[in-house]
Amino acid sequence: MYISGESLVVILLAGLIAGWLAGKIVAGGGFGLIGDIAVGIVGAFIGSWLLLRLGIHIGSGFVNTIIVAMIGAVVLLLIIRLLSGAFPQRRWGLPWRRRWRL
């Protein structure tokens, strides 16, 4: 299989965008440049496999590639968080549990 330079740039860019979006959705922040690309690329494989199994076809094109990769990356991050038990604390607290910092 031959991947041209342009194809590699498109794959990395789509992975970066999808990984960053998934990081914002699941954890509330990104994972750095390399982490976002890795999460996005692995998410693209998971999203393609998962949507194929569910019989969902979004279409073709760059934006659709990002959407599929983002869906897979969100699923990947949720599984990782579930297995590691590292769900983030809520950002907002209950009124009687607020701590005031001066």
Protein backbone atom coordinates (compact mmCIF):
# COMPACT_ATOMS: atom_id res chain seq x y z
CA MET A 1 0.00 0.00 0.00
CA TYR A 2 1.36 3.38 -1.01
CA ILE A 3 0.47 6.54 0.88
CA SER A 4 1.48 9.79 -0.75
CA GLY A 5 2.71 12.78 1.20
CA GLU A 6 -0.58 14.60 0.72
CA SER A 7 -2.55 11.61 1.99
CA LEU A 8 -0.37 11.39 5.06
CA VAL A 9 -0.89 15.08 5.80
CA VAL A 10 -4.67 14.68 5.43
CA ILE A 11 -4.68 11.64 7.74
CA LEU A 12 -2.62 13.46 10.37
CA LEU A 13 -4.73 16.63 10.12
CA ALA A 14 -8.01 14.73 10.39
CA GLY A 15 -6.61 12.75 13.34
CA LEU A 16 -5.48 15.94 15.06
CA ILE A 17 -8.85 17.64 14.68
CA ALA A 18 -10.84 14.54 15.68
CA GLY A 19 -8.61 13.82 18.67
CA TRP A 20 -8.80 17.42 19.86
CA LEU A 21 -12.60 17.46 19.55
CA ALA A 22 -12.91 14.13 21.37
CA GLY A 23 -10.62 15.39 24.12
CA LYS A 24 -12.84 18.45 24.54
CA ILE A 25 -16.00 16.33 24.63
CA VAL A 26 -14.83 13.59 26.99
CA ALA A 27 -12.20 15.09 29.25
CA GLY A 28 -12.68 18.81 28.83
CA GLY A 29 -9.21 19.35 27.38
CA GLY A 30 -6.80 18.17 24.72
CA PHE A 31 -3.91 15.76 25.06
CA GLY A 32 -1.20 17.67 23.24
CA LEU A 33 -0.32 17.51 19.57
CA ILE A 34 0.98 13.93 19.46
CA GLY A 35 -1.70 12.62 21.83
CA ASP A 36 -4.52 14.22 19.84
CA ILE A 37 -3.19 12.78 16.58
CA ALA A 38 -2.83 9.31 18.09
CA VAL A 39 -6.30 9.36 19.64
CA GLY A 40 -7.79 10.65 16.36
CA ILE A 41 -6.12 8.05 14.16
CA VAL A 42 -7.01 5.14 16.44
CA GLY A 43 -10.48 6.65 16.75
CA ALA A 44 -10.80 6.70 12.97
CA PHE A 45 -10.21 2.94 12.88
CA ILE A 46 -12.66 2.33 15.72
CA GLY A 47 -15.27 4.67 14.23
CA SER A 48 -15.03 3.09 10.79
CA TRP A 49 -15.37 -0.41 12.23
CA LEU A 50 -18.18 0.54 14.62
CA LEU A 51 -20.28 2.45 12.09
CA LEU A 52 -19.82 -0.35 9.54
CA ARG A 53 -21.09 -2.90 12.07
CA LEU A 54 -24.08 -0.68 12.91
CA GLY A 55 -24.88 -0.18 9.22
CA ILE A 56 -24.41 3.58 9.36
CA HIS A 57 -22.83 5.32 6.36
CA ILE A 58 -22.10 9.01 6.83
CA GLY A 59 -20.59 9.63 3.42
CA SER A 60 -17.23 10.61 2.05
CA GLY A 61 -15.16 13.73 2.28
CA PHE A 62 -12.87 15.42 4.77
CA VAL A 63 -15.56 16.62 7.17
CA ASN A 64 -17.21 13.20 7.25
CA THR A 65 -13.82 11.62 7.93
CA ILE A 66 -13.38 13.92 10.91
CA ILE A 67 -16.88 13.07 12.19
CA VAL A 68 -16.26 9.31 11.97
CA ALA A 69 -12.83 9.66 13.60
CA MET A 70 -14.31 11.84 16.36
CA ILE A 71 -17.05 9.29 17.08
CA GLY A 72 -14.45 6.55 17.33
CA ALA A 73 -12.14 8.70 19.45
CA VAL A 74 -14.95 9.50 21.88
CA VAL A 75 -15.75 5.79 22.18
CA LEU A 76 -12.04 5.06 22.71
CA LEU A 77 -11.67 7.71 25.41
CA LEU A 78 -14.84 6.59 27.19
CA ILE A 79 -13.60 3.00 27.26
CA ILE A 80 -10.18 4.10 28.55
CA ARG A 81 -11.77 6.26 31.25
CA LEU A 82 -14.16 3.49 32.21
CA LEU A 83 -11.38 0.90 32.53
CA SER A 84 -9.01 3.20 34.39
CA GLY A 85 -11.69 4.70 36.64
CA ALA A 86 -10.41 8.17 35.84
CA PHE A 87 -13.62 10.02 35.13
CA PRO A 88 -13.00 13.68 35.91
CA GLN A 89 -14.66 15.33 38.88
CA ARG A 90 -17.55 17.61 38.16
CA ARG A 91 -16.55 21.18 37.54
CA TRP A 92 -19.52 22.49 39.38
CA GLY A 93 -20.25 21.47 42.92
CA LEU A 94 -23.38 21.28 44.93
CA PRO A 95 -24.17 24.57 46.70
CA TRP A 96 -23.47 23.17 50.16
CA ARG A 97 -20.15 21.69 49.09
CA ARG A 98 -18.58 24.78 47.55
CA ARG A 99 -15.23 25.86 48.78
CA TRP A 100 -14.40 29.50 48.54
CA ARG A 101 -10.86 30.50 47.76
CA LEU A 102 -9.67 33.92 48.81
